[in-house]
Amino acid sequence: MNKQPNNTDPSTPAPQATTTPADQAGDGRTYLLDHNRDSLRLWFEEKGLKPFRADQILEWVYQKGVVDPEKMTNLSKDLRETLKQNLDIFRSRLVRQSRAADGVVKLLLEFPGGAQVECVMIPEGPRRTACLSTQAGCPVGCTFCASGLGGLQRNLTGGEIVEQLLRLQAEIGPGIRMTHVVIMGMGEPLANFDATLEAVYTINDKHGFGMGARHITVSTVGLPDRIRQLADHNLQLNLAISLHAPTDALRRELVPWAANWSIQEIFEAARYYFEITGREITLEYVLLAGVNDHMTQ
């Protein structure tokens, strides 16, 4: 039986909207990005509002990049005021932004409770790739990665993952759409399985960001059970596995969580993923001089 890390909840219920950010903020306000279309329409009904207004708001946010209710011009003044009083679209605070000469944009965002995460936009010709974080900090502890130096602060919600994409989209402007997403920023996506899946559904959904599943990549250090569960959703996602070593012994030195699963177990799960989805798997490998850059016996 595959072992689960102690701080990874092995249960994987179906994706659903959450209200964690509102709870953290302690103000009772609703976080729109933690809702899918169905749950947002239900929220409107509970407020005595017409459910179809949810579709209009989702279009403003995801397709037009408008996050200020005052600028949603096909909504009545009263409705715009209701939204301002009850609904948060963005929950993060921009702490720092940097833009490199090659066009790479990096944002440091702070979410409720003080959780800080980084997200990055990488341009390459016509491509615009967003690299998104799923956790504040990281529990994996790779020896060559700074993300996990302070351990895991907390998991992000699905909405907080999606907010990073929208923040980056705003940086490149409404005339150019983000073309690809790689979920490989801070944290281990499959250790925050439910929220990662919620975010993927929102990014892919026509009432969300509307990005094709084959333009979305989930990068993992390799949690076999979670890889199989992801395969069972058959979302046509790209899967990338951070290998970093050719042997279990060396991998345990570089990636402490590797003690939970052998490379063989990970490859068996990857094979299952390919059999279910037909999507080929990418192996990621950071070369470290004199450590993992030579032939082994």
C-alpha atoms as a PDB file:
ATOM      1  CA  MET A   1       0.000   0.000   0.000  1.00  0.00           C
ATOM      2  CA  ASN A   2       1.299   3.476  -0.848  1.00  0.00           C
ATOM      3  CA  LYS A   3       2.004   5.635   2.182  1.00  0.00           C
ATOM      4  CA  GLN A   4       0.491   9.109   2.466  1.00  0.00           C
ATOM      5  CA  PRO A   5       2.524  11.988   3.984  1.00  0.00           C
ATOM      6  CA  ASN A   6       1.327  12.774   7.485  1.00  0.00           C
ATOM      7  CA  ASN A   7       0.056  16.237   6.516  1.00  0.00           C
ATOM      8  CA  THR A   8      -1.789  15.091   3.386  1.00  0.00           C
ATOM      9  CA  ASP A   9      -5.465  14.304   3.758  1.00  0.00           C
ATOM     10  CA  PRO A  10      -6.023  11.027   1.858  1.00  0.00           C
ATOM     11  CA  SER A  11      -9.701  11.730   1.216  1.00  0.00           C
ATOM     12  CA  THR A  12     -10.615  13.204  -2.162  1.00  0.00           C
ATOM     13  CA  PRO A  13     -14.266  14.310  -2.349  1.00  0.00           C
ATOM     14  CA  ALA A  14     -15.644  15.711  -5.592  1.00  0.00           C
ATOM     15  CA  PRO A  15     -14.689  19.330  -6.315  1.00  0.00           C
ATOM     16  CA  GLN A  16     -17.002  21.842  -4.699  1.00  0.00           C
ATOM     17  CA  ALA A  17     -17.012  25.528  -3.848  1.00  0.00           C
ATOM     18  CA  THR A  18     -15.444  26.467  -0.533  1.00  0.00           C
ATOM     19  CA  THR A  19     -15.750  29.474   1.756  1.00  0.00           C
ATOM     20  CA  THR A  20     -12.369  29.335   3.433  1.00  0.00           C
ATOM     21  CA  PRO A  21     -11.242  32.881   2.487  1.00  0.00           C
ATOM     22  CA  ALA A  22     -14.415  34.423   3.913  1.00  0.00           C
ATOM     23  CA  ASP A  23     -13.894  32.473   7.117  1.00  0.00           C
ATOM     24  CA  GLN A  24     -10.310  33.672   7.346  1.00  0.00           C
ATOM     25  CA  ALA A  25     -11.285  37.262   6.728  1.00  0.00           C
ATOM     26  CA  GLY A  26     -13.943  36.959   9.431  1.00  0.00           C
ATOM     27  CA  ASP A  27     -16.255  39.400   7.657  1.00  0.00           C
ATOM     28  CA  GLY A  28     -18.863  37.021   6.250  1.00  0.00           C
ATOM     29  CA  ARG A  29     -18.293  38.225   2.702  1.00  0.00           C
ATOM     30  CA  THR A  30     -18.451  35.770  -0.199  1.00  0.00           C
ATOM     31  CA  TYR A  31     -15.361  35.041  -2.315  1.00  0.00           C
ATOM     32  CA  LEU A  32     -16.559  34.765  -5.904  1.00  0.00           C
ATOM     33  CA  LEU A  33     -13.561  32.820  -7.209  1.00  0.00           C
ATOM     34  CA  ASP A  34     -14.275  29.974  -4.819  1.00  0.00           C
ATOM     35  CA  HIS A  35     -17.601  29.453  -6.592  1.00  0.00           C
ATOM     36  CA  ASN A  36     -18.408  27.606  -9.779  1.00  0.00           C
ATOM     37  CA  ARG A  37     -21.361  28.607 -11.924  1.00  0.00           C
ATOM     38  CA  ASP A  38     -23.891  26.400 -10.118  1.00  0.00           C
ATOM     39  CA  SER A  39     -22.956  27.499  -6.614  1.00  0.00           C
ATOM     40  CA  LEU A  40     -22.840  31.169  -7.625  1.00  0.00           C
ATOM     41  CA  ARG A  41     -26.309  30.939  -9.178  1.00  0.00           C
ATOM     42  CA  LEU A  42     -27.503  29.379  -5.910  1.00  0.00           C
ATOM     43  CA  TRP A  43     -25.941  32.268  -3.975  1.00  0.00           C
ATOM     44  CA  PHE A  44     -27.903  34.720  -6.140  1.00  0.00           C
ATOM     45  CA  GLU A  45     -31.115  32.830  -5.495  1.00  0.00           C
ATOM     46  CA  GLU A  46     -30.491  32.930  -1.745  1.00  0.00           C
ATOM     47  CA  LYS A  47     -30.054  36.709  -2.022  1.00  0.00           C
ATOM     48  CA  GLY A  48     -33.373  36.985  -3.849  1.00  0.00           C
ATOM     49  CA  LEU A  49     -31.625  37.877  -7.101  1.00  0.00           C
ATOM     50  CA  LYS A  50     -32.084  36.444 -10.579  1.00  0.00           C
ATOM     51  CA  PRO A  51     -29.650  33.492 -11.090  1.00  0.00           C
ATOM     52  CA  PHE A  52     -28.787  34.488 -14.665  1.00  0.00           C
ATOM     53  CA  ARG A  53     -26.945  37.490 -13.234  1.00  0.00           C
ATOM     54  CA  ALA A  54     -24.278  35.036 -12.084  1.00  0.00           C
ATOM     55  CA  ASP A  55     -23.488  34.222 -15.698  1.00  0.00           C
ATOM     56  CA  GLN A  56     -23.098  37.903 -16.500  1.00  0.00           C
ATOM     57  CA  ILE A  57     -20.684  38.436 -13.637  1.00  0.00           C
ATOM     58  CA  LEU A  58     -18.625  35.379 -14.552  1.00  0.00           C
ATOM     59  CA  GLU A  59     -18.320  36.712 -18.092  1.00  0.00           C
ATOM     60  CA  TRP A  60     -17.168  40.091 -16.817  1.00  0.00           C
ATOM     61  CA  VAL A  61     -14.546  38.546 -14.551  1.00  0.00           C
ATOM     62  CA  TYR A  62     -13.155  35.696 -16.642  1.00  0.00           C
ATOM     63  CA  GLN A  63     -13.640  36.848 -20.213  1.00  0.00           C
ATOM     64  CA  LYS A  64     -13.379  40.622 -19.888  1.00  0.00           C
ATOM     65  CA  GLY A  65     -11.061  40.842 -16.896  1.00  0.00           C
ATOM     66  CA  VAL A  66     -13.326  43.284 -15.044  1.00  0.00           C
ATOM     67  CA  VAL A  67     -13.259  42.874 -11.252  1.00  0.00           C
ATOM     68  CA  ASP A  68     -14.883  46.152 -10.215  1.00  0.00           C
ATOM     69  CA  PRO A  69     -18.703  45.803 -10.021  1.00  0.00           C
ATOM     70  CA  GLU A  70     -19.070  49.494 -10.875  1.00  0.00           C
ATOM     71  CA  LYS A  71     -17.694  48.747 -14.343  1.00  0.00           C
ATOM     72  CA  MET A  72     -20.164  45.912 -15.028  1.00  0.00           C
ATOM     73  CA  THR A  73     -22.363  48.141 -17.123  1.00  0.00           C
ATOM     74  CA  ASN A  74     -25.190  45.688 -17.889  1.00  0.00           C
ATOM     75  CA  LEU A  75     -26.008  45.362 -14.177  1.00  0.00           C
ATOM     76  CA  SER A  76     -28.379  47.712 -12.404  1.00  0.00           C
ATOM     77  CA  LYS A  77     -27.070  50.269  -9.936  1.00  0.00           C
ATOM     78  CA  ASP A  78     -28.789  48.453  -7.063  1.00  0.00           C
ATOM     79  CA  LEU A  79     -27.250  45.132  -8.052  1.00  0.00           C
ATOM     80  CA  ARG A  80     -23.798  46.653  -8.352  1.00  0.00           C
ATOM     81  CA  GLU A  81     -24.202  48.059  -4.857  1.00  0.00           C
ATOM     82  CA  THR A  82     -25.321  44.645  -3.530  1.00  0.00           C
ATOM     83  CA  LEU A  83     -22.245  43.036  -5.035  1.00  0.00           C
ATOM     84  CA  LYS A  84     -19.939  45.633  -3.493  1.00  0.00           C
ATOM     85  CA  GLN A  85     -21.510  45.047  -0.092  1.00  0.00           C
ATOM     86  CA  ASN A  86     -21.448  41.234  -0.161  1.00  0.00           C
ATOM     87  CA  LEU A  87     -18.986  39.894  -2.719  1.00  0.00           C
ATOM     88  CA  ASP A  88     -15.196  39.874  -3.029  1.00  0.00           C
ATOM     89  CA  ILE A  89     -13.726  39.111  -6.425  1.00  0.00           C
ATOM     90  CA  PHE A  90     -10.054  39.492  -5.492  1.00  0.00           C
ATOM     91  CA  ARG A  91      -8.859  38.681  -1.991  1.00  0.00           C
ATOM     92  CA  SER A  92      -5.119  39.128  -2.372  1.00  0.00           C
ATOM     93  CA  ARG A  93      -2.916  42.144  -1.831  1.00  0.00           C
ATOM     94  CA  LEU A  94      -0.112  42.818  -4.302  1.00  0.00           C
ATOM     95  CA  VAL A  95       3.067  42.925  -2.223  1.00  0.00           C
ATOM     96  CA  ARG A  96       5.646  43.097  -4.989  1.00  0.00           C
ATOM     97  CA  GLN A  97       5.831  42.997  -8.758  1.00  0.00           C
ATOM     98  CA  SER A  98       8.899  42.515 -10.943  1.00  0.00           C
ATOM     99  CA  ARG A  99       9.246  42.539 -14.704  1.00  0.00           C
ATOM    100  CA  ALA A 100      12.388  41.183 -16.406  1.00  0.00           C
ATOM    101  CA  ALA A 101      13.897  42.394 -19.663  1.00  0.00           C
ATOM    102  CA  ASP A 102      12.590  39.290 -21.457  1.00  0.00           C
ATOM    103  CA  GLY A 103       9.016  40.071 -20.400  1.00  0.00           C
ATOM    104  CA  VAL A 104       8.752  37.617 -17.509  1.00  0.00           C
ATOM    105  CA  VAL A 105       6.431  38.983 -14.805  1.00  0.00           C
ATOM    106  CA  LYS A 106       6.571  37.797 -11.194  1.00  0.00           C
ATOM    107  CA  LEU A 107       3.987  38.737  -8.577  1.00  0.00           C
ATOM    108  CA  LEU A 108       4.140  38.271  -4.818  1.00  0.00           C
ATOM    109  CA  LEU A 109       0.600  38.132  -3.431  1.00  0.00           C
ATOM    110  CA  GLU A 110      -0.628  38.045   0.146  1.00  0.00           C
ATOM    111  CA  PHE A 111      -3.913  36.322   0.953  1.00  0.00           C
ATOM    112  CA  PRO A 112      -6.028  36.506   4.138  1.00  0.00           C
ATOM    113  CA  GLY A 113      -4.172  35.326   7.193  1.00  0.00           C
ATOM    114  CA  GLY A 114      -0.834  36.539   5.816  1.00  0.00           C
ATOM    115  CA  ALA A 115      -0.205  33.660   3.404  1.00  0.00           C
ATOM    116  CA  GLN A 116       2.180  34.874   0.689  1.00  0.00           C
ATOM    117  CA  VAL A 117       2.665  33.137  -2.666  1.00  0.00           C
ATOM    118  CA  GLU A 118       4.418  33.857  -5.928  1.00  0.00           C
ATOM    119  CA  CYS A 119       3.051  33.455  -9.441  1.00  0.00           C
ATOM    120  CA  VAL A 120       4.856  34.033 -12.725  1.00  0.00           C
ATOM    121  CA  MET A 121       3.967  34.826 -16.332  1.00  0.00           C
ATOM    122  CA  ILE A 122       6.466  33.584 -18.935  1.00  0.00           C
ATOM    123  CA  PRO A 123       6.164  34.872 -22.534  1.00  0.00           C
ATOM    124  CA  GLU A 124       7.518  32.815 -25.425  1.00  0.00           C
ATOM    125  CA  GLY A 125       6.526  33.973 -28.897  1.00  0.00           C
ATOM    126  CA  PRO A 126       2.711  33.887 -29.010  1.00  0.00           C
ATOM    127  CA  ARG A 127       2.545  31.820 -25.802  1.00  0.00           C
ATOM    128  CA  ARG A 128       1.814  33.321 -22.406  1.00  0.00           C
ATOM    129  CA  THR A 129       2.269  30.760 -19.648  1.00  0.00           C
ATOM    130  CA  ALA A 130       1.101  31.315 -16.078  1.00  0.00           C
ATOM    131  CA  CYS A 131       2.891  29.378 -13.320  1.00  0.00           C
ATOM    132  CA  LEU A 132       0.593  29.111 -10.300  1.00  0.00           C
ATOM    133  CA  SER A 133       1.130  28.139  -6.669  1.00  0.00           C
ATOM    134  CA  THR A 134      -1.169  25.800  -4.756  1.00  0.00           C
ATOM    135  CA  GLN A 135       0.241  26.184  -1.247  1.00  0.00           C
ATOM    136  CA  ALA A 136       1.832  28.923   0.816  1.00  0.00           C
ATOM    137  CA  GLY A 137       5.197  27.339   1.461  1.00  0.00           C
ATOM    138  CA  CYS A 138       5.801  23.693   0.682  1.00  0.00           C
ATOM    139  CA  PRO A 139       5.934  20.469   2.717  1.00  0.00           C
ATOM    140  CA  VAL A 140       8.124  18.497   0.280  1.00  0.00           C
ATOM    141  CA  GLY A 141      11.456  20.002   1.330  1.00  0.00           C
ATOM    142  CA  CYS A 142      13.527  19.553  -1.850  1.00  0.00           C
ATOM    143  CA  THR A 143      17.108  20.433  -0.944  1.00  0.00           C
ATOM    144  CA  PHE A 144      17.605  22.636  -4.018  1.00  0.00           C
ATOM    145  CA  CYS A 145      14.336  24.619  -3.732  1.00  0.00           C
ATOM    146  CA  ALA A 146      13.742  27.724  -1.599  1.00  0.00           C
ATOM    147  CA  SER A 147       9.935  27.364  -1.531  1.00  0.00           C
ATOM    148  CA  GLY A 148       9.976  24.846   1.288  1.00  0.00           C
ATOM    149  CA  LEU A 149      12.594  26.424   3.553  1.00  0.00           C
ATOM    150  CA  GLY A 150       9.934  27.582   5.997  1.00  0.00           C
ATOM    151  CA  GLY A 151       7.755  24.501   5.613  1.00  0.00           C
ATOM    152  CA  LEU A 152       4.070  24.613   4.782  1.00  0.00           C
ATOM    153  CA  GLN A 153       2.062  27.610   5.987  1.00  0.00           C
ATOM    154  CA  ARG A 154      -1.287  26.533   4.560  1.00  0.00           C
ATOM    155  CA  ASN A 155      -3.096  25.198   1.521  1.00  0.00           C
ATOM    156  CA  LEU A 156      -4.644  27.675  -0.883  1.00  0.00           C
ATOM    157  CA  THR A 157      -8.274  27.399  -1.912  1.00  0.00           C
ATOM    158  CA  GLY A 158      -9.283  26.834  -5.504  1.00  0.00           C
ATOM    159  CA  GLY A 159     -10.247  30.490  -5.794  1.00  0.00           C
ATOM    160  CA  GLU A 160      -6.877  31.655  -4.522  1.00  0.00           C
ATOM    161  CA  ILE A 161      -5.156  29.540  -7.170  1.00  0.00           C
ATOM    162  CA  VAL A 162      -7.401  30.993  -9.886  1.00  0.00           C
ATOM    163  CA  GLU A 163      -6.874  34.536  -8.600  1.00  0.00           C
ATOM    164  CA  GLN A 164      -3.187  34.253  -9.444  1.00  0.00           C
ATOM    165  CA  LEU A 165      -4.092  33.560 -13.075  1.00  0.00           C
ATOM    166  CA  LEU A 166      -6.426  36.556 -13.202  1.00  0.00           C
ATOM    167  CA  ARG A 167      -3.811  38.788 -11.588  1.00  0.00           C
ATOM    168  CA  LEU A 168      -1.268  37.774 -14.222  1.00  0.00           C
ATOM    169  CA  GLN A 169      -3.839  38.179 -16.996  1.00  0.00           C
ATOM    170  CA  ALA A 170      -4.410  41.751 -15.813  1.00  0.00           C
ATOM    171  CA  GLU A 171      -0.679  42.399 -16.123  1.00  0.00           C
ATOM    172  CA  ILE A 172      -0.607  41.567 -19.837  1.00  0.00           C
ATOM    173  CA  GLY A 173      -3.820  43.462 -20.534  1.00  0.00           C
ATOM    174  CA  PRO A 174      -7.186  42.553 -22.079  1.00  0.00           C
ATOM    175  CA  GLY A 175      -5.923  42.417 -25.665  1.00  0.00           C
ATOM    176  CA  ILE A 176      -3.721  39.339 -25.114  1.00  0.00           C
ATOM    177  CA  ARG A 177      -5.038  36.166 -23.470  1.00  0.00           C
ATOM    178  CA  MET A 178      -3.007  33.840 -21.324  1.00  0.00           C
ATOM    179  CA  THR A 179      -2.512  30.691 -23.403  1.00  0.00           C
ATOM    180  CA  HIS A 180      -1.138  28.086 -20.971  1.00  0.00           C
ATOM    181  CA  VAL A 181      -1.135  27.293 -17.274  1.00  0.00           C
ATOM    182  CA  VAL A 182       1.440  25.266 -15.373  1.00  0.00           C
ATOM    183  CA  ILE A 183       0.536  24.425 -11.793  1.00  0.00           C
ATOM    184  CA  MET A 184       4.049  24.185 -10.416  1.00  0.00           C
ATOM    185  CA  GLY A 185       4.691  27.266  -8.306  1.00  0.00           C
ATOM    186  CA  MET A 186       5.015  27.071  -4.541  1.00  0.00           C
ATOM    187  CA  GLY A 187       3.694  23.858  -3.041  1.00  0.00           C
ATOM    188  CA  GLU A 188       2.806  20.339  -4.164  1.00  0.00           C
ATOM    189  CA  PRO A 189      -0.453  20.465  -6.178  1.00  0.00           C
ATOM    190  CA  LEU A 190      -1.510  16.883  -5.490  1.00  0.00           C
ATOM    191  CA  ALA A 191      -1.058  17.375  -1.743  1.00  0.00           C
ATOM    192  CA  ASN A 192      -3.775  20.028  -2.063  1.00  0.00           C
ATOM    193  CA  PHE A 193      -5.786  17.843  -4.394  1.00  0.00           C
ATOM    194  CA  ASP A 194      -9.335  19.167  -4.024  1.00  0.00           C
ATOM    195  CA  ALA A 195      -8.415  22.851  -4.357  1.00  0.00           C
ATOM    196  CA  THR A 196      -6.122  22.138  -7.303  1.00  0.00           C
ATOM    197  CA  LEU A 197      -8.918  20.244  -9.039  1.00  0.00           C
ATOM    198  CA  GLU A 198     -11.404  23.048  -8.325  1.00  0.00           C
ATOM    199  CA  ALA A 199      -8.993  25.532  -9.891  1.00  0.00           C
ATOM    200  CA  VAL A 200      -8.432  23.325 -12.937  1.00  0.00           C
ATOM    201  CA  TYR A 201     -12.181  23.004 -13.516  1.00  0.00           C
ATOM    202  CA  THR A 202     -12.605  26.779 -13.268  1.00  0.00           C
ATOM    203  CA  ILE A 203      -9.710  27.497 -15.608  1.00  0.00           C
ATOM    204  CA  ASN A 204     -11.054  24.957 -18.116  1.00  0.00           C
ATOM    205  CA  ASP A 205     -14.789  25.682 -17.857  1.00  0.00           C
ATOM    206  CA  LYS A 206     -16.528  27.780 -20.536  1.00  0.00           C
ATOM    207  CA  HIS A 207     -18.123  29.802 -17.735  1.00  0.00           C
ATOM    208  CA  GLY A 208     -14.681  30.265 -16.226  1.00  0.00           C
ATOM    209  CA  PHE A 209     -11.435  31.161 -17.942  1.00  0.00           C
ATOM    210  CA  GLY A 210     -12.203  28.831 -20.859  1.00  0.00           C
ATOM    211  CA  MET A 211      -8.711  27.417 -21.396  1.00  0.00           C
ATOM    212  CA  GLY A 212      -8.427  24.005 -23.059  1.00  0.00           C
ATOM    213  CA  ALA A 213      -7.388  21.180 -20.749  1.00  0.00           C
ATOM    214  CA  ARG A 214      -4.468  20.294 -23.015  1.00  0.00           C
ATOM    215  CA  HIS A 215      -3.044  23.750 -22.299  1.00  0.00           C
ATOM    216  CA  ILE A 216      -2.991  23.022 -18.551  1.00  0.00           C
ATOM    217  CA  THR A 217      -0.128  21.131 -16.900  1.00  0.00           C
ATOM    218  CA  VAL A 218      -0.033  19.795 -13.350  1.00  0.00           C
ATOM    219  CA  SER A 219       3.508  19.320 -12.060  1.00  0.00           C
ATOM    220  CA  THR A 220       3.983  16.962  -9.124  1.00  0.00           C
ATOM    221  CA  VAL A 221       6.805  15.412  -7.149  1.00  0.00           C
ATOM    222  CA  GLY A 222       4.890  12.166  -7.612  1.00  0.00           C
ATOM    223  CA  LEU A 223       2.074  11.008  -5.316  1.00  0.00           C
ATOM    224  CA  PRO A 224       0.932   7.710  -6.874  1.00  0.00           C
ATOM    225  CA  ASP A 225      -2.557   7.552  -5.353  1.00  0.00           C
ATOM    226  CA  ARG A 226      -3.277  11.140  -6.311  1.00  0.00           C
ATOM    227  CA  ILE A 227      -1.973  10.615  -9.844  1.00  0.00           C
ATOM    228  CA  ARG A 228      -4.437   7.769 -10.250  1.00  0.00           C
ATOM    229  CA  GLN A 229      -7.278   9.864  -8.845  1.00  0.00           C
ATOM    230  CA  LEU A 230      -6.414  12.673 -11.225  1.00  0.00           C
ATOM    231  CA  ALA A 231      -6.409  10.202 -14.105  1.00  0.00           C
ATOM    232  CA  ASP A 232      -9.896   9.017 -13.166  1.00  0.00           C
ATOM    233  CA  HIS A 233     -11.246  12.522 -13.825  1.00  0.00           C
ATOM    234  CA  ASN A 234      -9.986  12.108 -17.417  1.00  0.00           C
ATOM    235  CA  LEU A 235      -9.529  15.836 -17.923  1.00  0.00           C
ATOM    236  CA  GLN A 236      -6.883  15.545 -20.658  1.00  0.00           C
ATOM    237  CA  LEU A 237      -4.432  17.520 -18.551  1.00  0.00           C
ATOM    238  CA  ASN A 238      -0.706  17.371 -19.109  1.00  0.00           C
ATOM    239  CA  LEU A 239       1.117  15.682 -16.247  1.00  0.00           C
ATOM    240  CA  ALA A 240       4.723  16.453 -15.327  1.00  0.00           C
ATOM    241  CA  ILE A 241       6.660  14.523 -12.686  1.00  0.00           C
ATOM    242  CA  SER A 242       9.626  16.078 -10.911  1.00  0.00           C
ATOM    243  CA  LEU A 243      12.052  13.155 -10.836  1.00  0.00           C
ATOM    244  CA  HIS A 244      15.484  14.761 -10.213  1.00  0.00           C
ATOM    245  CA  ALA A 245      17.288  11.479  -9.587  1.00  0.00           C
ATOM    246  CA  PRO A 246      17.742   8.095 -11.306  1.00  0.00           C
ATOM    247  CA  THR A 247      17.721   6.008  -8.096  1.00  0.00           C
ATOM    248  CA  ASP A 248      15.545   5.848  -5.019  1.00  0.00           C
ATOM    249  CA  ALA A 249      18.517   6.343  -2.703  1.00  0.00           C
ATOM    250  CA  LEU A 250      19.633   9.588  -4.331  1.00  0.00           C
ATOM    251  CA  ARG A 251      16.077  10.797  -4.733  1.00  0.00           C
ATOM    252  CA  ARG A 252      15.461  10.408  -1.005  1.00  0.00           C
ATOM    253  CA  GLU A 253      18.446  12.672  -0.375  1.00  0.00           C
ATOM    254  CA  LEU A 254      17.233  15.370  -2.753  1.00  0.00           C
ATOM    255  CA  VAL A 255      13.472  15.030  -2.226  1.00  0.00           C
ATOM    256  CA  PRO A 256      12.614  13.995   1.376  1.00  0.00           C
ATOM    257  CA  TRP A 257       9.062  12.993   0.440  1.00  0.00           C
ATOM    258  CA  ALA A 258      10.560  10.384  -1.893  1.00  0.00           C
ATOM    259  CA  ALA A 259      10.832   8.164   1.167  1.00  0.00           C
ATOM    260  CA  ASN A 260       7.069   7.617   0.847  1.00  0.00           C
ATOM    261  CA  TRP A 261       7.138   6.088  -2.641  1.00  0.00           C
ATOM    262  CA  SER A 262       9.621   4.405  -4.905  1.00  0.00           C
ATOM    263  CA  ILE A 263      10.315   5.563  -8.443  1.00  0.00           C
ATOM    264  CA  GLN A 264       8.751   2.315  -9.621  1.00  0.00           C
ATOM    265  CA  GLU A 265       5.479   3.109  -7.803  1.00  0.00           C
ATOM    266  CA  ILE A 266       5.414   6.564  -9.380  1.00  0.00           C
ATOM    267  CA  PHE A 267       6.056   5.137 -12.846  1.00  0.00           C
ATOM    268  CA  GLU A 268       3.261   2.602 -12.398  1.00  0.00           C
ATOM    269  CA  ALA A 269       0.874   5.446 -11.523  1.00  0.00           C
ATOM    270  CA  ALA A 270       2.135   7.426 -14.514  1.00  0.00           C
ATOM    271  CA  ARG A 271       1.481   4.451 -16.770  1.00  0.00           C
ATOM    272  CA  TYR A 272      -2.065   4.288 -15.409  1.00  0.00           C
ATOM    273  CA  TYR A 273      -2.479   8.008 -16.128  1.00  0.00           C
ATOM    274  CA  PHE A 274      -1.386   7.450 -19.724  1.00  0.00           C
ATOM    275  CA  GLU A 275      -3.687   4.452 -20.167  1.00  0.00           C
ATOM    276  CA  ILE A 276      -6.719   6.407 -18.924  1.00  0.00           C
ATOM    277  CA  THR A 277      -6.085   9.785 -20.555  1.00  0.00           C
ATOM    278  CA  GLY A 278      -3.799   9.024 -23.492  1.00  0.00           C
ATOM    279  CA  ARG A 279      -1.684  11.993 -22.426  1.00  0.00           C
ATOM    280  CA  GLU A 280       2.076  11.531 -22.381  1.00  0.00           C
ATOM    281  CA  ILE A 281       3.943  12.373 -19.185  1.00  0.00           C
ATOM    282  CA  THR A 282       6.868  14.789 -18.921  1.00  0.00           C
ATOM    283  CA  LEU A 283       9.745  14.005 -16.566  1.00  0.00           C
ATOM    284  CA  GLU A 284      11.337  17.078 -14.983  1.00  0.00           C
ATOM    285  CA  TYR A 285      14.941  16.880 -13.863  1.00  0.00           C
ATOM    286  CA  VAL A 286      17.071  19.597 -12.252  1.00  0.00           C
ATOM    287  CA  LEU A 287      20.750  18.958 -12.963  1.00  0.00           C
ATOM    288  CA  LEU A 288      22.998  19.479  -9.938  1.00  0.00           C
ATOM    289  CA  ALA A 289      26.719  19.452 -10.678  1.00  0.00           C
ATOM    290  CA  GLY A 290      28.425  16.398  -9.242  1.00  0.00           C
ATOM    291  CA  VAL A 291      25.201  15.149  -7.660  1.00  0.00           C
ATOM    292  CA  ASN A 292      22.757  13.834 -10.273  1.00  0.00           C
ATOM    293  CA  ASP A 293      24.470  14.683 -13.549  1.00  0.00           C
ATOM    294  CA  HIS A 294      26.413  11.475 -14.118  1.00  0.00           C
ATOM    295  CA  MET A 295      25.795   7.839 -15.003  1.00  0.00           C
ATOM    296  CA  THR A 296      24.938   5.455 -12.183  1.00  0.00           C
ATOM    297  CA  GLN A 297      25.648   1.749 -11.887  1.00  0.00           C
END
